[in-house]
Amino acid sequence: MSTNKRLNILLIEDSVVFARAVEAVLRTKALLEFDLVTADSLADGKNRMHDQAFDIVLLDLSLPDSQDLDSLRSIRRRTPLLPIIILTGNEDEATAIQALQEGAQDYLLKMDLDGRTLSRAILYAMERGKLLQQRDEFMAALVHDIKNPLIGSDRILQLILDKQFGEMEPELLKITTLLKRSNESVLQLLMNLLEIHRYDVAAPRFKFETLDLSAAINCSVKELTPLAELKCLKLSTSLQGKNANVRADAVAIQRVLLNLIGNSIKFTPDGGSVDVCVGTNDISAIVTVKDTGGGISIDEQQHLFERFYQSRSGKQYAFGTGLGLYVCRQIVEAHKGKITCESVDNVGTTITIELPHLAA
């Protein structure tokens, strides 16, 4: 496999010695023509990417200004389509697998590199990137076409429930309500798929503005209250502190809240409770969603926000894909925040979001 194109390669690596070694091995028995640009930090690499277009990035995970998979995530947020190969001296299979799940095209150990191995990895990574882009574009078009008629049917069902076409028998009202909830579950799945496509194919453009998290939570809780009532759940909110304002994209944060509260309702047994709390400290606005569900094991918690991951309880649901919490993490991190989970088996789960706080 070869290419006639001269490739522009960006190597982000803080070791001058290793950077020179990479260039040397590529010029020895390499399968491609290339120009190599090196950067000694993540910030330097981003500046180089701003000034010049690259075909692929070779990325060290241990940099002076960024560590582990945060480096990969940062590059992916900036240029989602750019193929990335991880170069590391750490023989960590778990990190390698997670890097591939989060969009890296390959993961190579520095000690195993030679010119032919690395050049083949570069060519294969670029080819895989093209195939994945074609697949994702097809999926996005398909999802979009399916979504539109579902939105139409959802509106009709809502009109029926609002008695715009006359009164309904109690049993028919109950069945129509369940049908609408099922329709909404499919719509939520499709919206998550479209959100994934936004992050994987094109860096999402957020409309940042001042957002009152208290108001956003009240809106989400109001929308999901009928679903909680179907399960006889107590859905409550509490405000601790004042001025829970953040600079954020209102639509994106609303999607996070609906995902998290909806999950808690789905996984909490009938008669349980879900409490949504917002508070502040000196630097952050903090939202917690706490439920009395079955909980999540410690082993599962470390994978909870990974793409396509489903806990044992999540696999019970036909419309579960393991994308909802992944989307939430992507959105929260794009807002320079963090999302975490604390859970105890048979007691319940608390998901916490921290976002940079706007001072009063």
Protein backbone atom coordinates (compact mmCIF):
# COMPACT_ATOMS: atom_id res chain seq x y z
CA MET A 1 0.00 0.00 0.00
CA SER A 2 1.39 3.41 -0.93
CA THR A 3 0.39 6.93 -1.81
CA ASN A 4 1.71 9.37 -4.39
CA LYS A 5 0.73 12.29 -2.22
CA ARG A 6 3.38 13.99 -0.12
CA LEU A 7 2.03 13.91 3.41
CA ASN A 8 2.20 16.60 6.04
CA ILE A 9 2.77 14.88 9.40
CA LEU A 10 2.58 16.59 12.79
CA LEU A 11 4.51 14.92 15.62
CA ILE A 12 3.56 16.20 19.09
CA GLU A 13 6.38 14.93 21.32
CA ASP A 14 8.36 16.70 24.05
CA SER A 15 11.50 14.56 23.68
CA VAL A 16 13.82 16.06 21.06
CA VAL A 17 15.77 12.80 20.92
CA PHE A 18 12.69 10.71 20.18
CA ALA A 19 11.37 13.24 17.65
CA ARG A 20 14.63 12.95 15.73
CA ALA A 21 14.42 9.17 15.98
CA VAL A 22 10.92 9.19 14.47
CA GLU A 23 12.08 11.26 11.53
CA ALA A 24 15.07 8.96 11.08
CA VAL A 25 13.01 5.74 11.04
CA LEU A 26 10.50 7.27 8.63
CA ARG A 27 13.31 8.10 6.22
CA THR A 28 14.56 4.51 6.47
CA LYS A 29 12.54 2.09 4.35
CA ALA A 30 9.50 4.35 4.52
CA LEU A 31 6.60 3.77 2.12
CA LEU A 32 5.72 7.41 1.66
CA GLU A 33 7.00 10.89 0.92
CA PHE A 34 6.46 13.28 3.79
CA ASP A 35 7.21 16.54 5.54
CA LEU A 36 7.47 16.22 9.32
CA VAL A 37 6.69 19.09 11.68
CA THR A 38 7.36 18.65 15.40
CA ALA A 39 5.78 20.32 18.43
CA ASP A 40 7.03 19.89 22.01
CA SER A 41 3.70 20.51 23.79
CA LEU A 42 -0.03 20.24 23.19
CA ALA A 43 -0.36 24.02 22.98
CA ASP A 44 2.49 24.17 20.45
CA GLY A 45 0.82 21.41 18.44
CA LYS A 46 -2.49 23.29 18.34
CA ASN A 47 -0.71 26.43 17.18
CA ARG A 48 0.94 24.48 14.37
CA MET A 49 -2.43 23.05 13.37
CA HIS A 50 -3.86 26.56 13.25
CA ASP A 51 -1.11 27.69 10.89
CA GLN A 52 -0.90 24.62 8.65
CA ALA A 53 -3.05 21.74 7.39
CA PHE A 54 -1.87 18.24 8.32
CA ASP A 55 -2.81 14.80 7.03
CA ILE A 56 -2.14 12.97 10.29
CA VAL A 57 -0.97 13.53 13.88
CA LEU A 58 1.49 11.36 15.79
CA LEU A 59 0.70 12.05 19.43
CA ASP A 60 2.59 11.32 22.64
CA LEU A 61 0.19 11.00 25.59
CA SER A 62 2.66 12.37 28.16
CA LEU A 63 3.23 16.05 27.42
CA PRO A 64 4.32 18.95 29.65
CA ASP A 65 0.90 20.60 29.46
CA SER A 66 -1.38 17.58 29.07
CA GLN A 67 -1.47 13.98 30.21
CA ASP A 68 -2.96 10.69 29.08
CA LEU A 69 -6.16 10.70 27.03
CA ASP A 70 -6.84 14.40 27.69
CA SER A 71 -4.32 15.14 24.93
CA LEU A 72 -6.22 12.96 22.47
CA ARG A 73 -9.58 14.45 23.45
CA SER A 74 -8.28 17.97 23.02
CA ILE A 75 -7.00 17.28 19.50
CA ARG A 76 -10.21 15.45 18.58
CA ARG A 77 -12.34 18.40 19.70
CA ARG A 78 -10.29 20.72 17.53
CA THR A 79 -10.13 18.56 14.37
CA PRO A 80 -12.50 15.56 14.63
CA LEU A 81 -11.67 14.17 11.18
CA LEU A 82 -7.88 14.25 11.45
CA PRO A 83 -6.37 10.73 11.86
CA ILE A 84 -4.35 10.32 15.07
CA ILE A 85 -1.80 7.66 15.97
CA ILE A 86 -0.80 7.38 19.62
CA LEU A 87 2.91 6.84 20.30
CA THR A 88 3.70 5.84 23.85
CA GLY A 89 6.26 4.10 25.99
CA ASN A 90 3.52 2.85 28.31
CA GLU A 91 2.45 -0.71 27.54
CA ASP A 92 -1.09 -0.24 28.86
CA GLU A 93 -3.72 -2.29 27.04
CA ALA A 94 -6.63 -0.55 28.81
CA THR A 95 -5.40 2.88 27.72
CA ALA A 96 -4.81 1.61 24.18
CA ILE A 97 -8.35 0.26 23.90
CA GLN A 98 -9.87 3.44 25.31
CA ALA A 99 -7.78 5.57 22.93
CA LEU A 100 -9.17 3.61 19.98
CA GLN A 101 -12.70 3.94 21.34
CA GLU A 102 -12.23 7.70 21.58
CA GLY A 103 -11.15 8.15 17.99
CA ALA A 104 -7.45 7.32 17.69
CA GLN A 105 -6.69 5.31 14.55
CA ASP A 106 -3.81 3.33 16.05
CA TYR A 107 -1.74 2.91 19.21
CA LEU A 108 1.97 2.05 18.87
CA LEU A 109 4.71 1.45 21.42
CA LYS A 110 7.76 3.61 20.93
CA MET A 111 10.11 0.69 21.52
CA ASP A 112 8.61 -1.22 18.57
CA LEU A 113 8.86 1.50 15.95
CA ASP A 114 10.69 1.16 12.67
CA GLY A 115 10.27 3.00 9.39
CA ARG A 116 8.16 0.38 7.64
CA THR A 117 5.88 -0.28 10.64
CA LEU A 118 5.22 3.40 11.27
CA SER A 119 4.69 4.32 7.62
CA ARG A 120 2.24 1.43 7.17
CA ALA A 121 0.39 2.53 10.31
CA ILE A 122 0.12 6.06 8.89
CA LEU A 123 -1.25 4.86 5.54
CA TYR A 124 -3.70 2.44 7.14
CA ALA A 125 -4.85 5.09 9.62
CA MET A 126 -5.62 7.52 6.82
CA GLU A 127 -7.53 4.88 4.87
CA ARG A 128 -9.54 3.87 7.92
CA GLY A 129 -10.32 7.51 8.54
CA LYS A 130 -11.80 7.87 5.04
CA LEU A 131 -13.95 4.74 5.45
CA LEU A 132 -15.21 5.83 8.86
CA GLN A 133 -16.10 9.25 7.50
CA GLN A 134 -18.11 7.68 4.65
CA ARG A 135 -19.88 5.37 7.11
CA ASP A 136 -20.71 8.18 9.51
CA GLU A 137 -22.01 10.44 6.72
CA PHE A 138 -24.31 7.64 5.54
CA MET A 139 -25.54 6.99 9.09
CA ALA A 140 -26.16 10.68 9.71
CA ALA A 141 -28.23 10.97 6.52
CA LEU A 142 -30.21 7.84 7.43
CA VAL A 143 -30.86 9.01 10.99
CA HIS A 144 -31.95 12.43 9.75
CA ASP A 145 -34.44 10.90 7.31
CA ILE A 146 -35.91 8.64 10.02
CA LYS A 147 -36.06 11.44 12.58
CA ASN A 148 -38.36 13.76 10.60
CA PRO A 149 -41.44 11.46 10.37
CA LEU A 150 -40.99 10.52 14.05
CA ILE A 151 -41.13 14.20 15.02
CA GLY A 152 -44.32 14.51 12.99
CA SER A 153 -45.94 11.53 14.69
CA ASP A 154 -44.84 12.84 18.09
CA ARG A 155 -46.64 16.12 17.48
CA ILE A 156 -49.80 14.30 16.40
CA LEU A 157 -49.71 12.11 19.50
CA GLN A 158 -49.33 15.22 21.67
CA LEU A 159 -52.36 16.81 20.01
CA ILE A 160 -54.34 13.65 20.73
CA LEU A 161 -53.24 13.72 24.38
CA ASP A 162 -54.18 17.41 24.57
CA LYS A 163 -57.70 16.32 23.46
CA GLN A 164 -57.58 18.43 20.32
CA PHE A 165 -59.56 15.70 18.57
CA GLY A 166 -62.03 15.15 21.39
CA GLU A 167 -62.26 13.28 24.67
CA MET A 168 -60.66 9.84 25.11
CA GLU A 169 -61.54 6.76 27.09
CA PRO A 170 -59.16 6.29 30.08
CA GLU A 171 -57.71 3.04 28.69
CA LEU A 172 -57.08 4.59 25.26
CA LEU A 173 -55.49 7.62 26.93
CA LYS A 174 -53.11 5.35 28.85
CA ILE A 175 -52.13 3.42 25.71
CA THR A 176 -51.58 6.64 23.73
CA THR A 177 -49.41 8.02 26.53
CA LEU A 178 -47.25 4.89 26.49
CA LEU A 179 -47.02 5.07 22.69
CA LYS A 180 -45.81 8.65 22.90
CA ARG A 181 -43.15 7.71 25.48
CA SER A 182 -41.94 4.91 23.24
CA ASN A 183 -41.80 7.33 20.31
CA GLU A 184 -39.80 9.78 22.44
CA SER A 185 -37.33 7.04 23.39
CA VAL A 186 -36.60 6.37 19.73
CA LEU A 187 -36.28 10.11 19.06
CA GLN A 188 -33.84 10.45 21.96
CA LEU A 189 -31.77 7.61 20.51
CA LEU A 190 -31.69 9.27 17.09
CA MET A 191 -30.77 12.65 18.59
CA ASN A 192 -27.88 11.01 20.45
CA LEU A 193 -26.67 9.44 17.20
CA LEU A 194 -26.78 12.82 15.48
CA GLU A 195 -24.92 14.39 18.41
CA ILE A 196 -22.20 11.73 18.10
CA HIS A 197 -21.89 12.55 14.42
CA ARG A 198 -21.42 16.23 15.27
CA TYR A 199 -18.48 15.42 17.53
CA ASP A 200 -16.93 12.77 15.29
CA VAL A 201 -17.21 14.49 11.93
CA ALA A 202 -17.40 18.23 12.55
CA ALA A 203 -16.40 20.19 15.62
CA PRO A 204 -19.73 21.34 17.11
CA ARG A 205 -20.38 25.06 17.11
CA PHE A 206 -21.81 26.16 20.40
CA LYS A 207 -23.71 29.36 21.00
CA PHE A 208 -22.31 30.45 24.34
CA GLU A 209 -24.46 32.73 26.46
CA THR A 210 -25.28 33.29 30.11
CA LEU A 211 -27.38 30.35 31.27
CA ASP A 212 -29.21 30.04 34.59
CA LEU A 213 -28.82 26.37 35.52
CA SER A 214 -31.73 26.58 37.97
CA ALA A 215 -34.08 27.60 35.17
CA ALA A 216 -32.66 24.93 32.85
CA ILE A 217 -33.21 22.25 35.50
CA ASN A 218 -36.78 23.38 36.15
CA CYS A 219 -37.49 23.18 32.43
CA SER A 220 -36.04 19.65 32.17
CA VAL A 221 -37.88 18.44 35.27
CA LYS A 222 -41.17 19.85 33.98
CA GLU A 223 -40.71 17.99 30.68
CA LEU A 224 -39.89 14.68 32.39
CA THR A 225 -42.46 14.85 35.22
CA PRO A 226 -45.12 12.87 33.28
CA LEU A 227 -42.59 10.06 32.77
CA ALA A 228 -41.81 10.01 36.50
CA GLU A 229 -45.53 9.97 37.33
CA LEU A 230 -45.99 6.87 35.17
CA LYS A 231 -43.63 5.06 37.58
CA CYS A 232 -44.96 6.78 40.73
CA LEU A 233 -41.54 8.35 41.31
CA LYS A 234 -40.90 11.41 43.44
CA LEU A 235 -39.05 13.86 41.16
CA SER A 236 -37.80 16.86 43.14
CA THR A 237 -35.42 19.79 42.77
CA SER A 238 -33.44 21.80 45.30
CA LEU A 239 -31.42 25.00 45.03
CA GLN A 240 -28.41 25.54 47.26
CA GLY A 241 -26.69 28.89 47.06
CA LYS A 242 -27.39 31.67 44.59
CA ASN A 243 -26.57 32.73 41.05
CA ALA A 244 -26.00 29.32 39.45
CA ASN A 245 -25.07 30.99 36.18
CA VAL A 246 -22.66 29.56 33.62
CA ARG A 247 -21.54 30.51 30.14
CA ALA A 248 -22.91 27.71 28.01
CA ASP A 249 -24.89 26.57 25.01
CA ALA A 250 -28.44 26.30 26.35
CA VAL A 251 -29.55 23.59 23.90
CA ALA A 252 -26.49 21.41 24.61
CA ILE A 253 -26.79 21.70 28.40
CA GLN A 254 -30.52 20.98 28.17
CA ARG A 255 -29.66 17.77 26.30
CA VAL A 256 -27.28 16.79 29.12
CA LEU A 257 -29.91 17.42 31.79
CA LEU A 258 -32.63 15.52 29.92
CA ASN A 259 -30.26 12.59 29.39
CA LEU A 260 -29.19 12.41 33.03
CA ILE A 261 -32.61 12.93 34.61
CA GLY A 262 -34.23 10.62 32.07
CA ASN A 263 -31.67 7.90 32.87
CA SER A 264 -32.34 8.20 36.59
CA ILE A 265 -36.07 7.87 36.01
CA LYS A 266 -35.56 4.87 33.72
CA PHE A 267 -33.29 2.98 36.12
CA THR A 268 -35.16 3.76 39.36
CA PRO A 269 -37.78 1.19 40.43
CA ASP A 270 -41.43 2.25 40.76
CA GLY A 271 -42.05 4.26 43.93
CA GLY A 272 -38.45 5.49 44.22
CA SER A 273 -37.12 9.03 44.01
CA VAL A 274 -34.94 11.24 41.83
CA ASP A 275 -33.53 14.49 43.23
CA VAL A 276 -31.90 17.17 41.08
CA CYS A 277 -29.81 19.70 42.97
CA VAL A 278 -27.88 22.78 41.83
CA GLY A 279 -25.37 24.68 43.95
CA THR A 280 -22.20 26.72 43.66
CA ASN A 281 -18.76 27.10 45.15
CA ASP A 282 -16.09 29.72 44.49
CA ILE A 283 -15.24 28.44 41.01
CA SER A 284 -18.00 26.10 39.83
CA ALA A 285 -21.71 25.64 39.44
CA ILE A 286 -22.52 22.08 40.50
CA VAL A 287 -25.48 19.96 39.39
CA THR A 288 -26.20 16.57 40.96
CA VAL A 289 -28.78 14.03 39.82
CA LYS A 290 -29.35 11.50 42.60
CA ASP A 291 -31.62 8.47 42.36
CA THR A 292 -32.61 5.45 44.43
CA GLY A 293 -32.04 2.96 41.64
CA GLY A 294 -30.15 -0.32 41.70
CA GLY A 295 -26.75 1.35 41.53
CA ILE A 296 -23.71 0.70 39.36
CA SER A 297 -20.80 -1.52 40.35
CA ILE A 298 -17.33 -0.01 40.85
CA ASP A 299 -15.98 -1.93 37.86
CA GLU A 300 -18.71 -0.52 35.61
CA GLN A 301 -18.36 3.05 36.87
CA GLN A 302 -14.92 3.49 35.31
CA HIS A 303 -16.37 2.74 31.86
CA LEU A 304 -19.69 4.53 32.28
CA PHE A 305 -18.94 7.54 30.06
CA GLU A 306 -17.26 5.58 27.27
CA ARG A 307 -18.80 5.38 23.83
CA PHE A 308 -21.30 2.50 23.40
CA TYR A 309 -20.73 1.24 26.95
CA GLN A 310 -23.79 -0.16 28.69
CA SER A 311 -23.97 -1.32 32.27
CA ARG A 312 -25.68 -4.60 33.08
CA SER A 313 -28.90 -2.77 33.96
CA GLY A 314 -28.72 -0.69 30.78
CA LYS A 315 -28.69 -3.77 28.57
CA GLN A 316 -32.22 -4.60 29.73
CA TYR A 317 -33.62 -1.78 27.61
CA ALA A 318 -34.33 -2.26 23.91
CA PHE A 319 -33.49 1.36 23.05
CA GLY A 320 -30.25 1.48 25.05
CA THR A 321 -27.07 2.14 23.06
CA GLY A 322 -24.52 3.42 25.56
CA LEU A 323 -24.37 6.77 23.75
CA GLY A 324 -26.28 9.05 26.12
CA LEU A 325 -23.64 9.40 28.83
CA TYR A 326 -20.88 9.59 26.21
CA VAL A 327 -22.68 12.55 24.64
CA CYS A 328 -23.05 14.12 28.08
CA ARG A 329 -19.31 13.84 28.75
CA GLN A 330 -18.46 15.30 25.35
CA ILE A 331 -20.70 18.31 25.92
CA VAL A 332 -19.58 18.92 29.51
CA GLU A 333 -15.87 18.69 28.61
CA ALA A 334 -16.41 21.02 25.64
CA HIS A 335 -17.70 23.51 28.23
CA LYS A 336 -14.47 23.07 30.24
CA GLY A 337 -16.33 21.16 32.93
CA LYS A 338 -16.27 17.62 34.26
CA ILE A 339 -18.80 14.87 34.92
CA THR A 340 -18.41 12.12 37.52
CA CYS A 341 -20.37 9.23 38.99
CA GLU A 342 -20.73 7.87 42.54
CA SER A 343 -22.85 4.79 43.04
CA VAL A 344 -23.58 2.03 45.53
CA ASP A 345 -25.18 -1.26 44.54
CA ASN A 346 -28.82 -1.48 45.61
CA VAL A 347 -28.69 2.04 47.08
CA GLY A 348 -28.56 4.45 44.16
CA THR A 349 -26.44 6.61 41.87
CA THR A 350 -25.38 10.25 41.88
CA ILE A 351 -24.10 11.93 38.71
CA THR A 352 -22.31 15.24 39.27
CA ILE A 353 -21.58 17.96 36.74
CA GLU A 354 -19.22 20.85 37.45
CA LEU A 355 -19.14 23.83 35.11
CA PRO A 356 -17.11 27.06 35.41
CA HIS A 357 -19.18 29.52 37.40
CA LEU A 358 -19.98 33.05 36.27
CA ALA A 359 -19.38 35.48 39.13
CA ALA A 360 -22.29 37.68 40.07
